[in-house]
Amino acid sequence: MPAHPLHDIDPKLLGARIRDAREGRGLTQQQMAERLGLSRTTVVALEKGERRLKPAELVEIAAVLGRNVSEILPSRVSAAESGAQLRGSLSALAPAGELAAAVDELQRLCEEYLKLEEICAAPLRRRYPAEYEIQASDPNLAAEDVAASERRRLDLGEGPLLPFREILEGDVGIRVFQLEMPPEVAGVYACAEPFGACIAINLRHPAPRRRASLAHEYGHFLTARYRPEITLQGRFERRPAAERFAAAFARSFLLPAAGLRKRFLDLARERPKGVTFGDLGRLAHFYFVSMEAMTRRLEELRLVPAGTWDRLRRERSGGVREVERLPSLHDHQADDEPFSPRYVGLAVEAWQRGELSEGTLARVLRTDRLGARLQVEGLARPIDENGEDGEDGGLDLGAPLFGAGAR
């Protein structure tokens, strides 16, 4: 008899697929074990790839997870073929021209990111939550609930999120790039195997707007994971519920109600005659959002009268621009890099391993050879305890800290 296809599949890869499907279903290992009539230790072993699945068990697991067997079995397509699938999922939304070129670039970057992870043996761990059900809910109320739930899940507290891209990449497992796209494009989102969820944000937009766009696309990821999105400014005359949710989620996630309310009321107590124009600018700076985003959020929370932003824009449009340009409001380090620190670090490590030539490193980092050398020096230059350049050789980014390989 011919061997069953399961025998040709890496148990660890299959186990990871089962784990992702279980987490996507919102089940714990114990709940899944009970539904299958197995012990929790058996489910743990299956997900770690320490126990090979039997065909009948795979059928039962698929039924419990509400999936077809084919959805759980790892695809045999190459990363390049999967990249074409990612591009294809967005092609209907992207007209020819600069936007289509940006979608093509996103595909290539995802492929290169995956290759760097393979070279460095450092796969991006996915910590995806189960998709939130919002179809029967008011978009604004659902946004507040989902934003609060995600902040709790990620243990983010009620304060500002300055390293936002690193949080989504390291704590959730989403690949995030900043690309130059047409001005009307805010962001692009897609989820395709083997890359997982990927987001591209328009590098031409100001940093606060990019953060809002990133949160907007994250809202799509949380509620409609496998539906690709290209978010355009002013695309809809009347925005559909999914877009209204994503916009409200971005405000709620970046400006959490409890923390913002407390900070605003503390300001109000210090100002007997009322919160000032400068206070508003400093508050926007603290959360690294635009003054418009901050004012509209305060209106939404009924901390300032409705229409406050429209009045400010009408009466003090020049003042708003001046406040946002104050030096004291620009000490946040804006994230203006196309790639995350993780992507750059893996590229440099792959070069140090001898797996990339200097020319290939430059191409992967979308720079020239001099730019690539500067990035290597910036990452690998040792720094002593006084913050000065060290005297020993450059740092090997792939050297282990612990174990037999550590020195």
Protein backbone atom coordinates (compact mmCIF):
# COMPACT_ATOMS: atom_id res chain seq x y z
CA MET A 1 0.00 0.00 0.00
CA PRO A 2 1.24 3.54 -0.71
CA ALA A 3 2.31 5.52 2.33
CA HIS A 4 -0.21 7.96 3.75
CA PRO A 5 0.72 11.63 3.04
CA LEU A 6 1.13 12.19 6.79
CA HIS A 7 4.31 10.13 6.72
CA ASP A 8 5.97 12.68 4.41
CA ILE A 9 5.17 15.69 6.59
CA ASP A 10 7.46 17.05 9.30
CA PRO A 11 5.59 16.35 12.60
CA LYS A 12 6.82 19.66 14.04
CA LEU A 13 5.42 21.59 11.09
CA LEU A 14 2.10 19.75 11.33
CA GLY A 15 2.01 20.28 15.08
CA ALA A 16 2.54 24.01 14.63
CA ARG A 17 -0.35 24.10 12.14
CA ILE A 18 -2.60 22.33 14.65
CA ARG A 19 -1.57 24.75 17.40
CA ASP A 20 -2.30 27.78 15.20
CA ALA A 21 -5.71 26.34 14.23
CA ARG A 22 -6.54 25.59 17.87
CA GLU A 23 -5.58 29.11 18.98
CA GLY A 24 -7.55 30.54 16.06
CA ARG A 25 -10.57 28.58 17.31
CA GLY A 26 -10.06 30.00 20.80
CA LEU A 27 -9.54 26.61 22.48
CA THR A 28 -7.09 25.78 25.23
CA GLN A 29 -5.06 22.59 25.05
CA GLN A 30 -7.19 21.15 27.86
CA GLN A 31 -10.45 21.93 26.05
CA MET A 32 -9.18 20.37 22.86
CA ALA A 33 -7.99 17.29 24.75
CA GLU A 34 -11.41 16.84 26.34
CA ARG A 35 -13.20 17.08 23.00
CA LEU A 36 -10.86 14.51 21.47
CA GLY A 37 -10.94 12.17 24.45
CA LEU A 38 -7.18 12.53 24.91
CA SER A 39 -4.96 13.69 27.75
CA ARG A 40 -3.60 17.23 27.69
CA THR A 41 -0.04 15.84 27.61
CA THR A 42 -0.91 14.03 24.37
CA VAL A 43 -2.13 17.28 22.79
CA VAL A 44 1.06 19.01 23.97
CA ALA A 45 3.15 16.24 22.38
CA LEU A 46 1.19 16.50 19.11
CA GLU A 47 1.67 20.26 18.89
CA LYS A 48 5.40 19.94 19.62
CA GLY A 49 5.76 17.28 16.94
CA GLU A 50 6.93 14.72 19.49
CA ARG A 51 4.18 12.26 18.55
CA ARG A 52 3.27 11.42 14.97
CA LEU A 53 -0.42 11.70 14.10
CA LYS A 54 -2.51 8.84 12.80
CA PRO A 55 -4.79 9.56 9.82
CA ALA A 56 -7.95 8.96 11.86
CA GLU A 57 -6.74 11.34 14.56
CA LEU A 58 -6.15 14.06 11.99
CA VAL A 59 -9.75 13.73 10.78
CA GLU A 60 -11.04 14.03 14.35
CA ILE A 61 -8.83 17.04 15.08
CA ALA A 62 -9.99 18.81 11.91
CA ALA A 63 -13.62 18.25 12.93
CA VAL A 64 -13.03 19.66 16.43
CA LEU A 65 -11.26 22.70 14.99
CA GLY A 66 -13.94 23.31 12.35
CA ARG A 67 -11.44 22.95 9.50
CA ASN A 68 -11.02 20.73 6.48
CA VAL A 69 -8.12 18.31 6.69
CA SER A 70 -6.56 20.08 3.70
CA GLU A 71 -6.53 23.36 5.66
CA ILE A 72 -4.44 21.78 8.43
CA LEU A 73 -2.01 19.88 6.23
CA PRO A 74 0.99 22.11 5.40
CA SER A 75 1.01 23.40 1.85
CA ARG A 76 3.77 22.13 -0.39
CA VAL A 77 3.97 25.32 -2.43
CA SER A 78 7.17 27.34 -2.34
CA ALA A 79 7.55 30.72 -0.70
CA ALA A 80 7.65 32.29 -4.17
CA GLU A 81 4.38 30.60 -5.11
CA SER A 82 2.85 31.69 -1.82
CA GLY A 83 4.11 35.20 -2.49
CA ALA A 84 2.25 35.15 -5.78
CA GLN A 85 -0.86 34.11 -3.83
CA LEU A 86 -0.39 37.07 -1.49
CA ARG A 87 -0.03 39.41 -4.44
CA GLY A 88 -2.99 37.79 -6.17
CA SER A 89 -5.21 38.30 -3.12
CA LEU A 90 -4.49 42.04 -3.30
CA SER A 91 -4.37 42.47 -7.07
CA ALA A 92 -8.11 42.97 -7.43
CA LEU A 93 -7.87 45.86 -4.96
CA ALA A 94 -4.73 47.43 -6.44
CA PRO A 95 -5.02 49.20 -9.80
CA ALA A 96 -2.03 49.21 -12.12
CA GLY A 97 0.70 51.71 -11.38
CA GLU A 98 2.48 52.77 -8.22
CA LEU A 99 0.16 50.90 -5.86
CA ALA A 100 0.51 47.65 -7.82
CA ALA A 101 4.29 48.12 -7.64
CA ALA A 102 4.03 48.50 -3.84
CA VAL A 103 2.05 45.25 -3.62
CA ASP A 104 4.76 43.50 -5.67
CA GLU A 105 7.40 44.93 -3.33
CA LEU A 106 5.49 43.68 -0.28
CA GLN A 107 5.50 40.18 -1.79
CA ARG A 108 9.26 40.28 -2.40
CA LEU A 109 9.98 41.57 1.09
CA CYS A 110 7.90 38.81 2.68
CA GLU A 111 9.83 36.22 0.68
CA GLU A 112 13.17 37.73 1.68
CA TYR A 113 12.13 37.99 5.34
CA LEU A 114 11.20 34.29 5.36
CA LYS A 115 14.53 33.38 3.76
CA LEU A 116 16.45 35.35 6.40
CA GLU A 117 14.57 33.51 9.13
CA GLU A 118 15.46 30.16 7.56
CA ILE A 119 19.16 31.09 7.32
CA CYS A 120 19.27 32.26 10.95
CA ALA A 121 16.95 29.50 12.24
CA ALA A 122 14.75 32.19 13.81
CA PRO A 123 11.11 31.77 12.70
CA LEU A 124 8.70 34.52 13.65
CA ARG A 125 6.51 33.06 16.39
CA ARG A 126 2.81 33.73 15.90
CA ARG A 127 0.79 34.66 18.94
CA TYR A 128 -2.43 35.33 17.10
CA PRO A 129 -5.62 35.64 19.14
CA ALA A 130 -8.87 34.06 17.99
CA GLU A 131 -10.71 36.37 15.60
CA TYR A 132 -13.11 38.70 17.39
CA GLU A 133 -16.76 38.44 16.35
CA ILE A 134 -18.14 41.94 15.75
CA GLN A 135 -20.79 41.43 13.05
CA ALA A 136 -23.79 41.96 15.33
CA SER A 137 -22.23 44.80 17.33
CA ASP A 138 -22.12 48.56 17.07
CA PRO A 139 -18.68 49.27 15.48
CA ASN A 140 -17.72 51.91 18.04
CA LEU A 141 -18.70 49.83 21.05
CA ALA A 142 -17.03 46.75 19.58
CA ALA A 143 -13.86 48.77 18.95
CA GLU A 144 -13.64 49.84 22.61
CA ASP A 145 -14.14 46.25 23.76
CA VAL A 146 -11.64 44.69 21.35
CA ALA A 147 -9.01 47.37 22.02
CA ALA A 148 -9.29 46.86 25.78
CA SER A 149 -9.13 43.07 25.36
CA GLU A 150 -6.01 43.28 23.19
CA ARG A 151 -4.26 45.62 25.59
CA ARG A 152 -4.95 43.16 28.40
CA ARG A 153 -3.84 40.18 26.30
CA LEU A 154 -0.57 41.86 25.39
CA ASP A 155 -0.09 43.31 28.90
CA LEU A 156 0.25 46.85 27.54
CA GLY A 157 -1.38 48.76 30.36
CA GLU A 158 -3.05 52.13 29.70
CA GLY A 159 -0.12 54.21 28.48
CA PRO A 160 1.24 55.21 25.05
CA LEU A 161 2.66 52.62 22.64
CA LEU A 162 5.88 54.10 21.31
CA PRO A 163 7.58 50.94 19.92
CA PHE A 164 4.30 49.99 18.22
CA ARG A 165 5.79 48.15 15.24
CA GLU A 166 8.04 46.07 17.50
CA ILE A 167 5.05 45.15 19.68
CA LEU A 168 3.06 43.85 16.71
CA GLU A 169 6.04 41.94 15.36
CA GLY A 170 7.50 40.53 18.57
CA ASP A 171 4.36 40.03 20.67
CA VAL A 172 1.86 39.12 17.95
CA GLY A 173 3.93 37.85 15.01
CA ILE A 174 2.88 40.28 12.24
CA ARG A 175 5.40 41.35 9.58
CA VAL A 176 5.33 45.14 9.22
CA PHE A 177 7.00 47.20 6.48
CA GLN A 178 6.96 50.90 5.66
CA LEU A 179 6.89 51.49 1.89
CA GLU A 180 6.51 54.55 -0.29
CA MET A 181 3.02 54.34 -1.78
CA PRO A 182 0.62 56.78 -3.48
CA PRO A 183 -0.46 59.57 -1.08
CA GLU A 184 -4.06 58.37 -0.92
CA VAL A 185 -3.01 54.92 0.36
CA ALA A 186 -2.83 54.54 4.15
CA GLY A 187 -1.99 50.86 4.45
CA VAL A 188 -2.12 47.38 2.98
CA TYR A 189 -2.98 44.18 4.85
CA ALA A 190 -2.94 40.52 3.80
CA CYS A 191 -2.50 37.11 5.39
CA ALA A 192 -1.09 34.25 3.33
CA GLU A 193 0.95 31.17 4.15
CA PRO A 194 3.78 30.69 4.85
CA PHE A 195 4.26 34.37 5.68
CA GLY A 196 1.30 34.85 7.99
CA ALA A 197 -0.11 38.33 8.53
CA CYS A 198 1.70 41.18 6.74
CA ILE A 199 1.12 44.95 6.87
CA ALA A 200 2.60 47.73 4.75
CA ILE A 201 2.23 51.36 5.86
CA ASN A 202 2.79 54.44 3.69
CA LEU A 203 6.23 55.85 4.51
CA ARG A 204 5.28 59.14 2.85
CA HIS A 205 2.82 59.96 5.63
CA PRO A 206 3.78 61.69 8.91
CA ALA A 207 4.79 59.36 11.74
CA PRO A 208 1.61 59.89 13.86
CA ARG A 209 -0.58 59.09 10.86
CA ARG A 210 1.46 55.96 10.14
CA ARG A 211 0.87 54.76 13.69
CA ALA A 212 -2.87 55.30 13.26
CA SER A 213 -2.79 53.42 9.95
CA LEU A 214 -0.90 50.54 11.54
CA ALA A 215 -3.50 50.29 14.31
CA HIS A 216 -6.25 50.46 11.65
CA GLU A 217 -4.80 47.48 9.75
CA TYR A 218 -4.32 45.63 13.03
CA GLY A 219 -8.06 46.02 13.57
CA HIS A 220 -8.67 44.24 10.25
CA PHE A 221 -6.29 41.46 11.31
CA LEU A 222 -8.20 40.93 14.55
CA THR A 223 -11.64 40.66 12.95
CA ALA A 224 -11.21 39.50 9.33
CA ARG A 225 -7.84 37.76 9.23
CA TYR A 226 -8.00 36.26 5.76
CA ARG A 227 -9.65 39.18 3.96
CA PRO A 228 -7.05 41.39 2.25
CA GLU A 229 -7.40 45.14 2.61
CA ILE A 230 -6.02 48.24 0.93
CA THR A 231 -7.07 51.25 2.97
CA LEU A 232 -7.47 54.46 0.96
CA GLN A 233 -8.02 57.91 2.42
CA GLY A 234 -11.58 59.07 1.68
CA ARG A 235 -12.37 55.89 -0.23
CA PHE A 236 -15.99 55.65 0.88
CA GLU A 237 -18.81 58.17 0.81
CA ARG A 238 -20.42 56.12 3.55
CA ARG A 239 -17.93 53.84 5.27
CA PRO A 240 -18.97 50.21 5.77
CA ALA A 241 -19.13 48.81 9.29
CA ALA A 242 -15.74 47.03 8.97
CA GLU A 243 -14.01 50.32 8.14
CA ARG A 244 -15.82 52.19 10.90
CA PHE A 245 -14.73 49.51 13.34
CA ALA A 246 -11.08 49.64 12.20
CA ALA A 247 -10.98 53.44 12.48
CA ALA A 248 -12.57 53.39 15.95
CA PHE A 249 -10.29 50.53 17.03
CA ALA A 250 -7.21 52.55 16.06
CA ARG A 251 -8.35 55.46 18.26
CA SER A 252 -9.28 53.18 21.17
CA PHE A 253 -6.07 51.12 20.98
CA LEU A 254 -3.66 54.06 20.71
CA LEU A 255 -5.62 56.24 23.15
CA PRO A 256 -7.09 53.89 25.78
CA ALA A 257 -10.10 55.37 27.52
CA ALA A 258 -9.15 54.78 31.16
CA GLY A 259 -5.58 56.03 30.90
CA LEU A 260 -6.43 59.04 28.74
CA ARG A 261 -9.38 60.03 30.93
CA LYS A 262 -7.21 59.95 34.08
CA ARG A 263 -4.42 61.98 32.49
CA PHE A 264 -6.85 64.58 31.12
CA LEU A 265 -8.68 64.96 34.44
CA ASP A 266 -5.35 65.35 36.25
CA LEU A 267 -4.54 68.18 33.82
CA ALA A 268 -7.95 69.75 34.40
CA ARG A 269 -7.43 69.77 38.18
CA GLU A 270 -4.15 71.62 37.70
CA ARG A 271 -5.86 74.21 35.49
CA PRO A 272 -8.69 75.96 37.39
CA LYS A 273 -9.48 78.08 34.32
CA GLY A 274 -9.53 75.10 32.00
CA VAL A 275 -7.15 72.93 29.95
CA THR A 276 -5.12 75.04 27.53
CA PHE A 277 -4.20 74.81 23.87
CA GLY A 278 -0.63 73.96 24.90
CA ASP A 279 -1.89 71.21 27.22
CA LEU A 280 -3.69 69.65 24.28
CA GLY A 281 -0.48 69.69 22.23
CA ARG A 282 1.54 68.11 25.04
CA LEU A 283 -1.10 65.45 25.53
CA ALA A 284 -1.02 64.60 21.84
CA HIS A 285 2.78 64.47 22.03
CA PHE A 286 2.69 62.14 25.04
CA TYR A 287 0.65 59.58 23.10
CA PHE A 288 2.47 60.35 19.82
CA VAL A 289 -0.70 61.13 17.86
CA SER A 290 -1.80 64.18 15.89
CA MET A 291 -3.67 66.99 17.63
CA GLU A 292 -6.70 66.14 15.50
CA ALA A 293 -6.66 62.50 16.64
CA MET A 294 -6.30 63.55 20.27
CA THR A 295 -9.07 66.16 20.10
CA ARG A 296 -11.51 63.84 18.36
CA ARG A 297 -10.80 61.13 20.93
CA LEU A 298 -11.44 63.57 23.77
CA GLU A 299 -14.72 64.51 22.09
CA GLU A 300 -15.60 60.83 21.80
CA LEU A 301 -14.96 60.35 25.53
CA ARG A 302 -17.00 63.54 26.27
CA LEU A 303 -14.02 65.18 27.94
CA VAL A 304 -14.30 68.22 25.65
CA PRO A 305 -17.41 69.55 23.90
CA ALA A 306 -18.47 68.03 20.60
CA GLY A 307 -17.16 70.08 17.68
CA THR A 308 -14.02 71.23 19.49
CA TRP A 309 -11.73 70.08 16.70
CA ASP A 310 -13.82 71.73 13.99
CA ARG A 311 -13.70 74.99 15.95
CA LEU A 312 -9.92 74.76 16.44
CA ARG A 313 -9.37 74.02 12.78
CA ARG A 314 -11.58 76.95 11.80
CA GLU A 315 -10.25 79.48 14.29
CA ARG A 316 -6.70 78.32 15.00
CA SER A 317 -5.50 76.28 12.04
CA GLY A 318 -2.19 78.16 12.04
CA GLY A 319 -1.88 77.70 15.78
CA VAL A 320 -2.34 73.95 15.49
CA ARG A 321 0.52 73.75 12.99
CA GLU A 322 2.73 75.93 15.19
CA VAL A 323 2.09 73.83 18.30
CA GLU A 324 2.82 70.60 16.42
CA ARG A 325 6.15 72.10 15.25
CA LEU A 326 7.34 73.12 18.73
CA PRO A 327 10.76 71.55 19.48
CA SER A 328 9.51 70.25 22.82
CA LEU A 329 6.91 68.19 20.98
CA HIS A 330 9.42 66.47 18.72
CA ASP A 331 11.67 64.56 21.12
CA HIS A 332 10.04 61.23 20.27
CA GLN A 333 12.26 59.33 17.86
CA ALA A 334 10.05 58.77 14.82
CA ASP A 335 10.23 55.34 13.25
CA ASP A 336 11.16 56.33 9.69
CA GLU A 337 12.90 53.10 8.71
CA PRO A 338 11.39 50.85 6.02
CA PHE A 339 12.28 47.71 7.98
CA SER A 340 11.95 46.62 11.57
CA PRO A 341 15.06 46.16 13.76
CA ARG A 342 14.42 42.40 13.64
CA TYR A 343 14.51 42.29 9.84
CA VAL A 344 17.72 44.33 9.70
CA GLY A 345 19.30 42.27 12.47
CA LEU A 346 18.57 38.99 10.70
CA ALA A 347 19.97 40.38 7.43
CA VAL A 348 23.23 41.40 9.13
CA GLU A 349 23.46 38.05 10.93
CA ALA A 350 22.96 36.17 7.64
CA TRP A 351 25.77 38.26 6.10
CA GLN A 352 28.04 37.50 9.07
CA ARG A 353 27.34 33.79 8.57
CA GLY A 354 28.56 34.10 5.00
CA GLU A 355 25.13 33.25 3.59
CA LEU A 356 24.71 36.67 1.93
CA SER A 357 27.22 38.58 -0.15
CA GLU A 358 27.64 42.28 0.51
CA GLY A 359 25.74 43.01 -2.69
CA THR A 360 22.87 40.74 -1.65
CA LEU A 361 22.82 42.33 1.81
CA ALA A 362 22.51 45.74 0.18
CA ARG A 363 19.64 44.51 -1.99
CA VAL A 364 17.82 42.95 0.96
CA LEU A 365 18.16 46.23 2.90
CA ARG A 366 17.20 48.28 -0.21
CA THR A 367 20.37 50.36 -0.04
CA ASP A 368 23.81 50.53 -1.66
CA ARG A 369 26.97 48.79 -0.44
CA LEU A 370 28.04 51.79 1.64
CA GLY A 371 24.61 51.95 3.27
CA ALA A 372 24.80 48.22 4.02
CA ARG A 373 28.23 48.63 5.64
CA LEU A 374 26.93 51.47 7.80
CA GLN A 375 24.02 49.31 8.99
CA VAL A 376 26.43 46.47 9.82
CA GLU A 377 28.65 48.85 11.78
CA GLY A 378 25.67 50.33 13.58
CA LEU A 379 24.46 46.92 14.75
CA ALA A 380 27.73 45.06 15.28
CA ARG A 381 29.87 47.83 16.84
CA PRO A 382 30.49 46.94 20.51
CA ILE A 383 29.63 49.61 23.10
CA ASP A 384 31.26 49.73 26.53
CA GLU A 385 29.55 50.53 29.83
CA ASN A 386 30.18 54.27 29.34
CA GLY A 387 28.41 54.29 25.98
CA GLU A 388 31.71 54.55 24.07
CA ASP A 389 32.87 52.36 21.20
CA GLY A 390 34.51 49.21 22.52
CA GLU A 391 38.01 48.16 21.53
CA ASP A 392 37.35 44.50 20.77
CA GLY A 393 36.13 43.20 17.42
CA GLY A 394 32.66 43.56 16.03
CA LEU A 395 29.84 41.65 17.62
CA ASP A 396 28.72 38.36 16.10
CA LEU A 397 24.93 38.76 16.14
CA GLY A 398 24.43 35.01 15.79
CA ALA A 399 26.67 34.05 18.75
CA PRO A 400 24.65 32.27 21.50
CA LEU A 401 24.53 33.76 24.98
CA PHE A 402 24.17 30.40 26.70
CA GLY A 403 25.01 26.76 26.02
CA ALA A 404 27.89 24.99 24.38
CA GLY A 405 28.42 27.66 21.73
CA ALA A 406 28.71 30.55 24.18
CA ARG A 407 32.09 32.08 24.95
